[in-house]
Amino acid sequence: SAGTSLQKMLDECQDRRSCQFLVNSRLFGADPCPGT
């Protein structure tokens, strides 16, 4: 798991009416499990 997940979601979506983005490992920093 990526420890940055909660903070990234707060940055992207908190206090907005809607948010949409492409999910990929680069979004959350270092890949927690490459190849998976």
Full PDB file with SEQRES, HELIX, SHEET, SSBOND, CRYST1, ORIGX, SCALE, CONECT and MASTER records, all heavy atoms in Angstrom:
SEQRES   1 A   36  SER ALA GLY THR SER LEU GLN LYS MET LEU ASP GLU CYS          
SEQRES   2 A   36  GLN ASP ARG ARG SER CYS GLN PHE LEU VAL ASN SER ARG          
SEQRES   3 A   36  LEU PHE GLY ALA ASP PRO CYS PRO GLY THR                      
HELIX    1 AA1 SER A    5  CYS A   13  1                                   9    
HELIX    2 AA2 SER A   25  PHE A   28  5                                   4    
SSBOND   1 CYS A   13    CYS A   19                          1555   1555  1.84  
CRYST1    1.000    1.000    1.000  90.00  90.00  90.00 P 1           1          
ORIGX1      1.000000  0.000000  0.000000        0.00000                         
ORIGX2      0.000000  1.000000  0.000000        0.00000                         
ORIGX3      0.000000  0.000000  1.000000        0.00000                         
SCALE1      1.000000  0.000000  0.000000        0.00000                         
SCALE2      0.000000  1.000000  0.000000        0.00000                         
SCALE3      0.000000  0.000000  1.000000        0.00000                         
ATOM      1  N   SER A   1       0.844  -1.194   0.000  1.00  0.00           N  
ATOM      2  CA  SER A   1       0.000   0.000   0.000  1.00  0.00           C  
ATOM      3  C   SER A   1       0.877   1.241   0.000  1.00  0.00           C  
ATOM      4  O   SER A   1       2.003   1.223   0.478  1.00  0.00           O  
ATOM      5  CB  SER A   1      -0.921   0.015   1.220  1.00  0.00           C  
ATOM      6  OG  SER A   1      -0.173   0.107   2.410  1.00  0.00           O  
ATOM      7  N   ALA A   2       0.322   2.316  -0.551  1.00  0.00           N  
ATOM      8  CA  ALA A   2       1.022   3.599  -0.582  1.00  0.00           C  
ATOM      9  C   ALA A   2       0.557   4.425   0.614  1.00  0.00           C  
ATOM     10  O   ALA A   2      -0.640   4.666   0.781  1.00  0.00           O  
ATOM     11  CB  ALA A   2       0.715   4.331  -1.882  1.00  0.00           C  
ATOM     12  N   GLY A   3       1.491   4.832   1.426  1.00  0.00           N  
ATOM     13  CA  GLY A   3       1.168   5.639   2.605  1.00  0.00           C  
ATOM     14  C   GLY A   3       0.692   7.037   2.252  1.00  0.00           C  
ATOM     15  O   GLY A   3       0.175   7.751   3.111  1.00  0.00           O  
ATOM     16  N   THR A   4       0.851   7.425   0.999  1.00  0.00           N  
ATOM     17  CA  THR A   4       0.482   8.777   0.566  1.00  0.00           C  
ATOM     18  C   THR A   4      -0.963   8.859   0.065  1.00  0.00           C  
ATOM     19  O   THR A   4      -1.420   9.928  -0.323  1.00  0.00           O  
ATOM     20  CB  THR A   4       1.410   9.225  -0.572  1.00  0.00           C  
ATOM     21  OG1 THR A   4       1.308   8.268  -1.641  1.00  0.00           O  
ATOM     22  CG2 THR A   4       2.853   9.325  -0.114  1.00  0.00           C  
ATOM     23  N   SER A   5      -1.667   7.745   0.069  1.00  0.00           N  
ATOM     24  CA  SER A   5      -2.995   7.684  -0.533  1.00  0.00           C  
ATOM     25  C   SER A   5      -3.979   8.685   0.068  1.00  0.00           C  
ATOM     26  O   SER A   5      -4.639   9.437  -0.662  1.00  0.00           O  
ATOM     27  CB  SER A   5      -3.553   6.263  -0.396  1.00  0.00           C  
ATOM     28  OG  SER A   5      -4.863   6.193  -0.862  1.00  0.00           O  
ATOM     29  N   LEU A   6      -4.095   8.727   1.385  1.00  0.00           N  
ATOM     30  CA  LEU A   6      -5.056   9.631   2.023  1.00  0.00           C  
ATOM     31  C   LEU A   6      -4.725  11.086   1.728  1.00  0.00           C  
ATOM     32  O   LEU A   6      -5.597  11.864   1.333  1.00  0.00           O  
ATOM     33  CB  LEU A   6      -5.106   9.387   3.530  1.00  0.00           C  
ATOM     34  CG  LEU A   6      -6.046  10.311   4.311  1.00  0.00           C  
ATOM     35  CD1 LEU A   6      -7.477  10.195   3.819  1.00  0.00           C  
ATOM     36  CD2 LEU A   6      -5.959  10.016   5.800  1.00  0.00           C  
ATOM     37  N   GLN A   7      -3.466  11.464   1.881  1.00  0.00           N  
ATOM     38  CA  GLN A   7      -3.091  12.868   1.645  1.00  0.00           C  
ATOM     39  C   GLN A   7      -3.333  13.258   0.193  1.00  0.00           C  
ATOM     40  O   GLN A   7      -3.792  14.364  -0.098  1.00  0.00           O  
ATOM     41  CB  GLN A   7      -1.626  13.110   2.030  1.00  0.00           C  
ATOM     42  CG  GLN A   7      -1.226  14.574   1.964  1.00  0.00           C  
ATOM     43  CD  GLN A   7      -2.075  15.459   2.862  1.00  0.00           C  
ATOM     44  OE1 GLN A   7      -2.194  15.204   4.054  1.00  0.00           O  
ATOM     45  NE2 GLN A   7      -2.669  16.506   2.302  1.00  0.00           N  
ATOM     46  N   LYS A   8      -3.055  12.360  -0.741  1.00  0.00           N  
ATOM     47  CA  LYS A   8      -3.277  12.663  -2.161  1.00  0.00           C  
ATOM     48  C   LYS A   8      -4.759  12.870  -2.435  1.00  0.00           C  
ATOM     49  O   LYS A   8      -5.146  13.783  -3.167  1.00  0.00           O  
ATOM     50  CB  LYS A   8      -2.716  11.531  -3.034  1.00  0.00           C  
ATOM     51  CG  LYS A   8      -2.766  11.835  -4.497  1.00  0.00           C  
ATOM     52  CD  LYS A   8      -1.933  13.075  -4.825  1.00  0.00           C  
ATOM     53  CE  LYS A   8      -1.954  13.372  -6.290  1.00  0.00           C  
ATOM     54  NZ  LYS A   8      -1.323  14.647  -6.629  1.00  0.00           N  
ATOM     55  N   MET A   9      -5.616  12.048  -1.841  1.00  0.00           N  
ATOM     56  CA  MET A   9      -7.061  12.214  -2.026  1.00  0.00           C  
ATOM     57  C   MET A   9      -7.552  13.507  -1.399  1.00  0.00           C  
ATOM     58  O   MET A   9      -8.413  14.189  -1.957  1.00  0.00           O  
ATOM     59  CB  MET A   9      -7.824  11.013  -1.442  1.00  0.00           C  
ATOM     60  CG  MET A   9      -7.615   9.732  -2.226  1.00  0.00           C  
ATOM     61  SD  MET A   9      -7.924   9.881  -4.005  1.00  0.00           S  
ATOM     62  CE  MET A   9      -9.600  10.449  -4.019  1.00  0.00           C  
ATOM     63  N   LEU A  10      -6.998  13.864  -0.254  1.00  0.00           N  
ATOM     64  CA  LEU A  10      -7.360  15.150   0.367  1.00  0.00           C  
ATOM     65  C   LEU A  10      -6.948  16.301  -0.548  1.00  0.00           C  
ATOM     66  O   LEU A  10      -7.715  17.240  -0.764  1.00  0.00           O  
ATOM     67  CB  LEU A  10      -6.694  15.295   1.738  1.00  0.00           C  
ATOM     68  CG  LEU A  10      -7.237  14.385   2.845  1.00  0.00           C  
ATOM     69  CD1 LEU A  10      -6.320  14.408   4.055  1.00  0.00           C  
ATOM     70  CD2 LEU A  10      -8.649  14.780   3.233  1.00  0.00           C  
ATOM     71  N   ASP A  11      -5.745  16.224  -1.121  1.00  0.00           N  
ATOM     72  CA  ASP A  11      -5.259  17.279  -2.029  1.00  0.00           C  
ATOM     73  C   ASP A  11      -6.122  17.383  -3.284  1.00  0.00           C  
ATOM     74  O   ASP A  11      -6.408  18.479  -3.753  1.00  0.00           O  
ATOM     75  CB  ASP A  11      -3.808  17.008  -2.446  1.00  0.00           C  
ATOM     76  CG  ASP A  11      -2.827  17.130  -1.294  1.00  0.00           C  
ATOM     77  OD1 ASP A  11      -3.194  17.675  -0.234  1.00  0.00           O  
ATOM     78  OD2 ASP A  11      -1.686  16.646  -1.453  1.00  0.00           O  
ATOM     79  N   GLU A  12      -6.526  16.253  -3.843  1.00  0.00           N  
ATOM     80  CA  GLU A  12      -7.251  16.234  -5.109  1.00  0.00           C  
ATOM     81  C   GLU A  12      -8.736  16.566  -4.971  1.00  0.00           C  
ATOM     82  O   GLU A  12      -9.309  17.192  -5.850  1.00  0.00           O  
ATOM     83  CB  GLU A  12      -7.118  14.861  -5.787  1.00  0.00           C  
ATOM     84  CG  GLU A  12      -5.725  14.515  -6.254  1.00  0.00           C  
ATOM     85  CD  GLU A  12      -5.263  15.358  -7.429  1.00  0.00           C  
ATOM     86  OE1 GLU A  12      -6.093  15.704  -8.276  1.00  0.00           O  
ATOM     87  OE2 GLU A  12      -4.060  15.671  -7.474  1.00  0.00           O  
ATOM     88  N   CYS A  13      -9.370  16.107  -3.888  1.00  0.00           N  
ATOM     89  CA  CYS A  13     -10.840  16.121  -3.849  1.00  0.00           C  
ATOM     90  C   CYS A  13     -11.491  16.829  -2.664  1.00  0.00           C  
ATOM     91  O   CYS A  13     -12.662  17.202  -2.755  1.00  0.00           O  
ATOM     92  CB  CYS A  13     -11.359  14.688  -3.885  1.00  0.00           C  
ATOM     93  SG  CYS A  13     -10.857  13.759  -5.352  1.00  0.00           S  
ATOM     94  N   GLN A  14     -10.790  16.968  -1.558  1.00  0.00           N  
ATOM     95  CA  GLN A  14     -11.416  17.527  -0.361  1.00  0.00           C  
ATOM     96  C   GLN A  14     -12.025  18.902  -0.626  1.00  0.00           C  
ATOM     97  O   GLN A  14     -11.407  19.754  -1.260  1.00  0.00           O  
ATOM     98  CB  GLN A  14     -10.380  17.624   0.777  1.00  0.00           C  
ATOM     99  CG  GLN A  14     -10.930  18.074   2.102  1.00  0.00           C  
ATOM    100  CD  GLN A  14     -11.703  16.997   2.831  1.00  0.00           C  
ATOM    101  OE1 GLN A  14     -11.856  15.878   2.374  1.00  0.00           O  
ATOM    102  NE2 GLN A  14     -12.208  17.333   3.999  1.00  0.00           N  
ATOM    103  N   ASP A  15     -13.252  19.113  -0.160  1.00  0.00           N  
ATOM    104  CA  ASP A  15     -13.986  20.380  -0.251  1.00  0.00           C  
ATOM    105  C   ASP A  15     -14.381  20.774  -1.674  1.00  0.00           C  
ATOM    106  O   ASP A  15     -14.705  21.929  -1.926  1.00  0.00           O  
ATOM    107  CB  ASP A  15     -13.204  21.530   0.413  1.00  0.00           C  
ATOM    108  CG  ASP A  15     -13.005  21.295   1.899  1.00  0.00           C  
ATOM    109  OD1 ASP A  15     -13.893  20.684   2.525  1.00  0.00           O  
ATOM    110  OD2 ASP A  15     -11.961  21.713   2.440  1.00  0.00           O  
ATOM    111  N   ARG A  16     -14.361  19.839  -2.603  1.00  0.00           N  
ATOM    112  CA  ARG A  16     -14.848  20.096  -3.957  1.00  0.00           C  
ATOM    113  C   ARG A  16     -16.172  19.372  -4.146  1.00  0.00           C  
ATOM    114  O   ARG A  16     -16.456  18.401  -3.466  1.00  0.00           O  
ATOM    115  CB  ARG A  16     -13.841  19.603  -4.995  1.00  0.00           C  
ATOM    116  CG  ARG A  16     -12.537  20.353  -4.927  1.00  0.00           C  
ATOM    117  CD  ARG A  16     -11.586  19.899  -5.982  1.00  0.00           C  
ATOM    118  NE  ARG A  16     -10.346  20.642  -5.839  1.00  0.00           N  
ATOM    119  CZ  ARG A  16      -9.254  20.374  -6.488  1.00  0.00           C  
ATOM    120  NH1 ARG A  16      -9.226  19.364  -7.333  1.00  0.00           N  
ATOM    121  NH2 ARG A  16      -8.180  21.084  -6.309  1.00  0.00           N  
ATOM    122  N   ARG A  17     -16.955  19.823  -5.094  1.00  0.00           N  
ATOM    123  CA  ARG A  17     -18.235  19.156  -5.356  1.00  0.00           C  
ATOM    124  C   ARG A  17     -18.020  17.873  -6.150  1.00  0.00           C  
ATOM    125  O   ARG A  17     -18.755  16.906  -5.997  1.00  0.00           O  
ATOM    126  CB  ARG A  17     -19.173  20.103  -6.111  1.00  0.00           C  
ATOM    127  CG  ARG A  17     -20.519  19.468  -6.320  1.00  0.00           C  
ATOM    128  CD  ARG A  17     -21.651  20.443  -6.334  1.00  0.00           C  
ATOM    129  NE  ARG A  17     -22.846  19.713  -6.688  1.00  0.00           N  
ATOM    130  CZ  ARG A  17     -23.506  19.867  -7.817  1.00  0.00           C  
ATOM    131  NH1 ARG A  17     -23.133  20.772  -8.688  1.00  0.00           N  
ATOM    132  NH2 ARG A  17     -24.552  19.148  -8.069  1.00  0.00           N  
ATOM    133  N   SER A  18     -17.007  17.852  -7.007  1.00  0.00           N  
ATOM    134  CA  SER A  18     -16.684  16.651  -7.763  1.00  0.00           C  
ATOM    135  C   SER A  18     -15.199  16.657  -8.090  1.00  0.00           C  
ATOM    136  O   SER A  18     -14.559  17.708  -8.107  1.00  0.00           O  
ATOM    137  CB  SER A  18     -17.508  16.568  -9.050  1.00  0.00           C  
ATOM    138  OG  SER A  18     -17.143  17.596  -9.932  1.00  0.00           O  
ATOM    139  N   CYS A  19     -14.667  15.480  -8.335  1.00  0.00           N  
ATOM    140  CA  CYS A  19     -13.288  15.377  -8.802  1.00  0.00           C  
ATOM    141  C   CYS A  19     -13.146  14.076  -9.574  1.00  0.00           C  
ATOM    142  O   CYS A  19     -13.839  13.099  -9.306  1.00  0.00           O  
ATOM    143  CB  CYS A  19     -12.282  15.467  -7.662  1.00  0.00           C  
ATOM    144  SG  CYS A  19     -12.147  14.014  -6.635  1.00  0.00           S  
ATOM    145  N   GLN A  20     -12.265  14.103 -10.556  1.00  0.00           N  
ATOM    146  CA  GLN A  20     -12.030  12.933 -11.394  1.00  0.00           C  
ATOM    147  C   GLN A  20     -10.569  12.949 -11.821  1.00  0.00           C  
ATOM    148  O   GLN A  20     -10.035  14.001 -12.171  1.00  0.00           O  
ATOM    149  CB  GLN A  20     -12.929  12.980 -12.629  1.00  0.00           C  
ATOM    150  CG  GLN A  20     -12.742  11.808 -13.558  1.00  0.00           C  
ATOM    151  CD  GLN A  20     -13.704  11.846 -14.740  1.00  0.00           C  
ATOM    152  OE1 GLN A  20     -14.743  12.466 -14.687  1.00  0.00           O  
ATOM    153  NE2 GLN A  20     -13.334  11.184 -15.812  1.00  0.00           N  
ATOM    154  N   PHE A  21      -9.926  11.779 -11.783  1.00  0.00           N  
ATOM    155  CA  PHE A  21      -8.550  11.679 -12.252  1.00  0.00           C  
ATOM    156  C   PHE A  21      -8.211  10.237 -12.579  1.00  0.00           C  
ATOM    157  O   PHE A  21      -8.886   9.307 -12.141  1.00  0.00           O  
ATOM    158  CB  PHE A  21      -7.555  12.256 -11.231  1.00  0.00           C  
ATOM    159  CG  PHE A  21      -7.637  11.636  -9.876  1.00  0.00           C  
ATOM    160  CD1 PHE A  21      -6.897  10.512  -9.560  1.00  0.00           C  
ATOM    161  CD2 PHE A  21      -8.462  12.178  -8.906  1.00  0.00           C  
ATOM    162  CE1 PHE A  21      -6.984   9.936  -8.320  1.00  0.00           C  
ATOM    163  CE2 PHE A  21      -8.554  11.609  -7.656  1.00  0.00           C  
ATOM    164  CZ  PHE A  21      -7.801  10.488  -7.364  1.00  0.00           C  
ATOM    165  N   LEU A  22      -7.153  10.074 -13.355  1.00  0.00           N  
ATOM    166  CA  LEU A  22      -6.674   8.760 -13.771  1.00  0.00           C  
ATOM    167  C   LEU A  22      -5.839   8.142 -12.657  1.00  0.00           C  
ATOM    168  O   LEU A  22      -4.928   8.777 -12.132  1.00  0.00           O  
ATOM    169  CB  LEU A  22      -5.838   8.901 -15.045  1.00  0.00           C  
ATOM    170  CG  LEU A  22      -5.293   7.620 -15.660  1.00  0.00           C  
ATOM    171  CD1 LEU A  22      -6.433   6.757 -16.184  1.00  0.00           C  
ATOM    172  CD2 LEU A  22      -4.332   7.962 -16.793  1.00  0.00           C  
ATOM    173  N   VAL A  23      -6.150   6.916 -12.296  1.00  0.00           N  
ATOM    174  CA  VAL A  23      -5.430   6.217 -11.230  1.00  0.00           C  
ATOM    175  C   VAL A  23      -4.211   5.521 -11.811  1.00  0.00           C  
ATOM    176  O   VAL A  23      -4.329   4.741 -12.755  1.00  0.00           O  
ATOM    177  CB  VAL A  23      -6.354   5.179 -10.540  1.00  0.00           C  
ATOM    178  CG1 VAL A  23      -5.574   4.362  -9.517  1.00  0.00           C  
ATOM    179  CG2 VAL A  23      -7.544   5.860  -9.896  1.00  0.00           C  
ATOM    180  N   ASN A  24      -3.035   5.848 -11.258  1.00  0.00           N  
ATOM    181  CA  ASN A  24      -1.805   5.141 -11.602  1.00  0.00           C  
ATOM    182  C   ASN A  24      -0.781   5.374 -10.498  1.00  0.00           C  
ATOM    183  O   ASN A  24      -0.918   6.298  -9.697  1.00  0.00           O  
ATOM    184  CB  ASN A  24      -1.257   5.554 -12.978  1.00  0.00           C  
ATOM    185  CG  ASN A  24      -0.838   6.990 -13.037  1.00  0.00           C  
ATOM    186  OD1 ASN A  24      -0.013   7.433 -12.245  1.00  0.00           O  
ATOM    187  ND2 ASN A  24      -1.421   7.752 -13.957  1.00  0.00           N  
ATOM    188  N   SER A  25       0.222   4.529 -10.446  1.00  0.00           N  
ATOM    189  CA  SER A  25       1.177   4.569  -9.331  1.00  0.00           C  
ATOM    190  C   SER A  25       1.962   5.877  -9.272  1.00  0.00           C  
ATOM    191  O   SER A  25       2.339   6.315  -8.190  1.00  0.00           O  
ATOM    192  CB  SER A  25       2.125   3.377  -9.389  1.00  0.00           C  
ATOM    193  OG  SER A  25       2.858   3.390 -10.592  1.00  0.00           O  
ATOM    194  N   ARG A  26       2.196   6.542 -10.407  1.00  0.00           N  
ATOM    195  CA  ARG A  26       2.955   7.803 -10.382  1.00  0.00           C  
ATOM    196  C   ARG A  26       2.252   8.875  -9.558  1.00  0.00           C  
ATOM    197  O   ARG A  26       2.891   9.738  -8.969  1.00  0.00           O  
ATOM    198  CB  ARG A  26       3.178   8.317 -11.808  1.00  0.00           C  
ATOM    199  CG  ARG A  26       4.139   7.455 -12.616  1.00  0.00           C  
ATOM    200  CD  ARG A  26       4.416   8.025 -13.994  1.00  0.00           C  
ATOM    201  NE  ARG A  26       3.222   8.233 -14.806  1.00  0.00           N  
ATOM    202  CZ  ARG A  26       2.588   7.285 -15.487  1.00  0.00           C  
ATOM    203  NH1 ARG A  26       3.033   6.049 -15.452  1.00  0.00           N  
ATOM    204  NH2 ARG A  26       1.519   7.563 -16.204  1.00  0.00           N  
ATOM    205  N   LEU A  27       0.946   8.802  -9.490  1.00  0.00           N  
ATOM    206  CA  LEU A  27       0.149   9.771  -8.745  1.00  0.00           C  
ATOM    207  C   LEU A  27       0.451   9.714  -7.249  1.00  0.00           C  
ATOM    208  O   LEU A  27       0.354  10.708  -6.544  1.00  0.00           O  
ATOM    209  CB  LEU A  27      -1.339   9.487  -8.988  1.00  0.00           C  
ATOM    210  CG  LEU A  27      -2.360  10.501  -8.534  1.00  0.00           C  
ATOM    211  CD1 LEU A  27      -2.217  11.793  -9.330  1.00  0.00           C  
ATOM    212  CD2 LEU A  27      -3.758   9.939  -8.717  1.00  0.00           C  
ATOM    213  N   PHE A  28       0.839   8.535  -6.754  1.00  0.00           N  
ATOM    214  CA  PHE A  28       1.015   8.330  -5.318  1.00  0.00           C  
ATOM    215  C   PHE A  28       2.480   8.259  -4.890  1.00  0.00           C  
ATOM    216  O   PHE A  28       2.783   7.808  -3.801  1.00  0.00           O  
ATOM    217  CB  PHE A  28       0.271   7.062  -4.890  1.00  0.00           C  
ATOM    218  CG  PHE A  28      -1.206   7.154  -5.140  1.00  0.00           C  
ATOM    219  CD1 PHE A  28      -1.764   6.600  -6.281  1.00  0.00           C  
ATOM    220  CD2 PHE A  28      -2.031   7.832  -4.257  1.00  0.00           C  
ATOM    221  CE1 PHE A  28      -3.126   6.705  -6.526  1.00  0.00           C  
ATOM    222  CE2 PHE A  28      -3.391   7.945  -4.490  1.00  0.00           C  
ATOM    223  CZ  PHE A  28      -3.939   7.380  -5.631  1.00  0.00           C  
ATOM    224  N   GLY A  29       3.394   8.688  -5.754  1.00  0.00           N  
ATOM    225  CA  GLY A  29       4.812   8.688  -5.406  1.00  0.00           C  
ATOM    226  C   GLY A  29       5.483   7.396  -5.813  1.00  0.00           C  
ATOM    227  O   GLY A  29       5.155   6.803  -6.831  1.00  0.00           O  
ATOM    228  N   ALA A  30       6.411   6.925  -4.975  1.00  0.00           N  
ATOM    229  CA  ALA A  30       7.153   5.697  -5.267  1.00  0.00           C  
ATOM    230  C   ALA A  30       6.189   4.510  -5.326  1.00  0.00           C  
ATOM    231  O   ALA A  30       5.307   4.372  -4.479  1.00  0.00           O  
ATOM    232  CB  ALA A  30       8.216   5.465  -4.202  1.00  0.00           C  
ATOM    233  N   ASP A  31       6.354   3.664  -6.330  1.00  0.00           N  
ATOM    234  CA  ASP A  31       5.498   2.496  -6.515  1.00  0.00           C  
ATOM    235  C   ASP A  31       5.719   1.526  -5.353  1.00  0.00           C  
ATOM    236  O   ASP A  31       6.828   1.038  -5.147  1.00  0.00           O  
ATOM    237  CB  ASP A  31       5.829   1.813  -7.843  1.00  0.00           C  
ATOM    238  CG  ASP A  31       4.813   0.767  -8.250  1.00  0.00           C  
ATOM    239  OD1 ASP A  31       4.133   0.218  -7.353  1.00  0.00           O  
ATOM    240  OD2 ASP A  31       4.705   0.490  -9.455  1.00  0.00           O  
ATOM    241  N   PRO A  32       4.673   1.237  -4.558  1.00  0.00           N  
ATOM    242  CA  PRO A  32       4.844   0.373  -3.388  1.00  0.00           C  
ATOM    243  C   PRO A  32       5.110  -1.093  -3.736  1.00  0.00           C  
ATOM    244  O   PRO A  32       5.649  -1.830  -2.911  1.00  0.00           O  
ATOM    245  CB  PRO A  32       3.525   0.519  -2.634  1.00  0.00           C  
ATOM    246  CG  PRO A  32       2.533   0.916  -3.666  1.00  0.00           C  
ATOM    247  CD  PRO A  32       3.297   1.723  -4.691  1.00  0.00           C  
ATOM    248  N   CYS A  33       4.743  -1.532  -4.948  1.00  0.00           N  
ATOM    249  CA  CYS A  33       4.982  -2.916  -5.347  1.00  0.00           C  
ATOM    250  C   CYS A  33       5.071  -2.993  -6.868  1.00  0.00           C  
ATOM    251  O   CYS A  33       4.086  -3.312  -7.534  1.00  0.00           O  
ATOM    252  CB  CYS A  33       3.919  -3.860  -4.802  1.00  0.00           C  
ATOM    253  SG  CYS A  33       2.224  -3.289  -4.981  1.00  0.00           S  
ATOM    254  N   PRO A  34       6.252  -2.682  -7.420  1.00  0.00           N  
ATOM    255  CA  PRO A  34       6.419  -2.710  -8.873  1.00  0.00           C  
ATOM    256  C   PRO A  34       6.048  -4.074  -9.454  1.00  0.00           C  
ATOM    257  O   PRO A  34       6.323  -5.105  -8.847  1.00  0.00           O  
ATOM    258  CB  PRO A  34       7.912  -2.421  -9.069  1.00  0.00           C  
ATOM    259  CG  PRO A  34       8.345  -1.755  -7.816  1.00  0.00           C  
ATOM    260  CD  PRO A  34       7.480  -2.312  -6.722  1.00  0.00           C  
ATOM    261  N   GLY A  35       5.376  -4.047 -10.577  1.00  0.00           N  
ATOM    262  CA  GLY A  35       4.997  -5.278 -11.245  1.00  0.00           C  
ATOM    263  C   GLY A  35       3.654  -5.838 -10.800  1.00  0.00           C  
ATOM    264  O   GLY A  35       3.151  -6.776 -11.396  1.00  0.00           O  
ATOM    265  N   THR A  36       3.085  -5.275  -9.752  1.00  0.00           N  
ATOM    266  CA  THR A  36       1.777  -5.723  -9.263  1.00  0.00           C  
ATOM    267  C   THR A  36       0.736  -4.665  -9.619  1.00  0.00           C  
ATOM    268  O   THR A  36       0.950  -3.481  -9.355  1.00  0.00           O  
ATOM    269  CB  THR A  36       1.803  -5.928  -7.725  1.00  0.00           C  
ATOM    270  OG1 THR A  36       2.720  -6.970  -7.421  1.00  0.00           O  
ATOM    271  CG2 THR A  36       0.443  -6.275  -7.180  1.00  0.00           C  
TER     272      THR A  36                                                      
CONECT   93  144                                                                
CONECT  144   93                                                                
MASTER        0    0    0    2    0    0    0    6  271    1    2    3          
END                                                                             
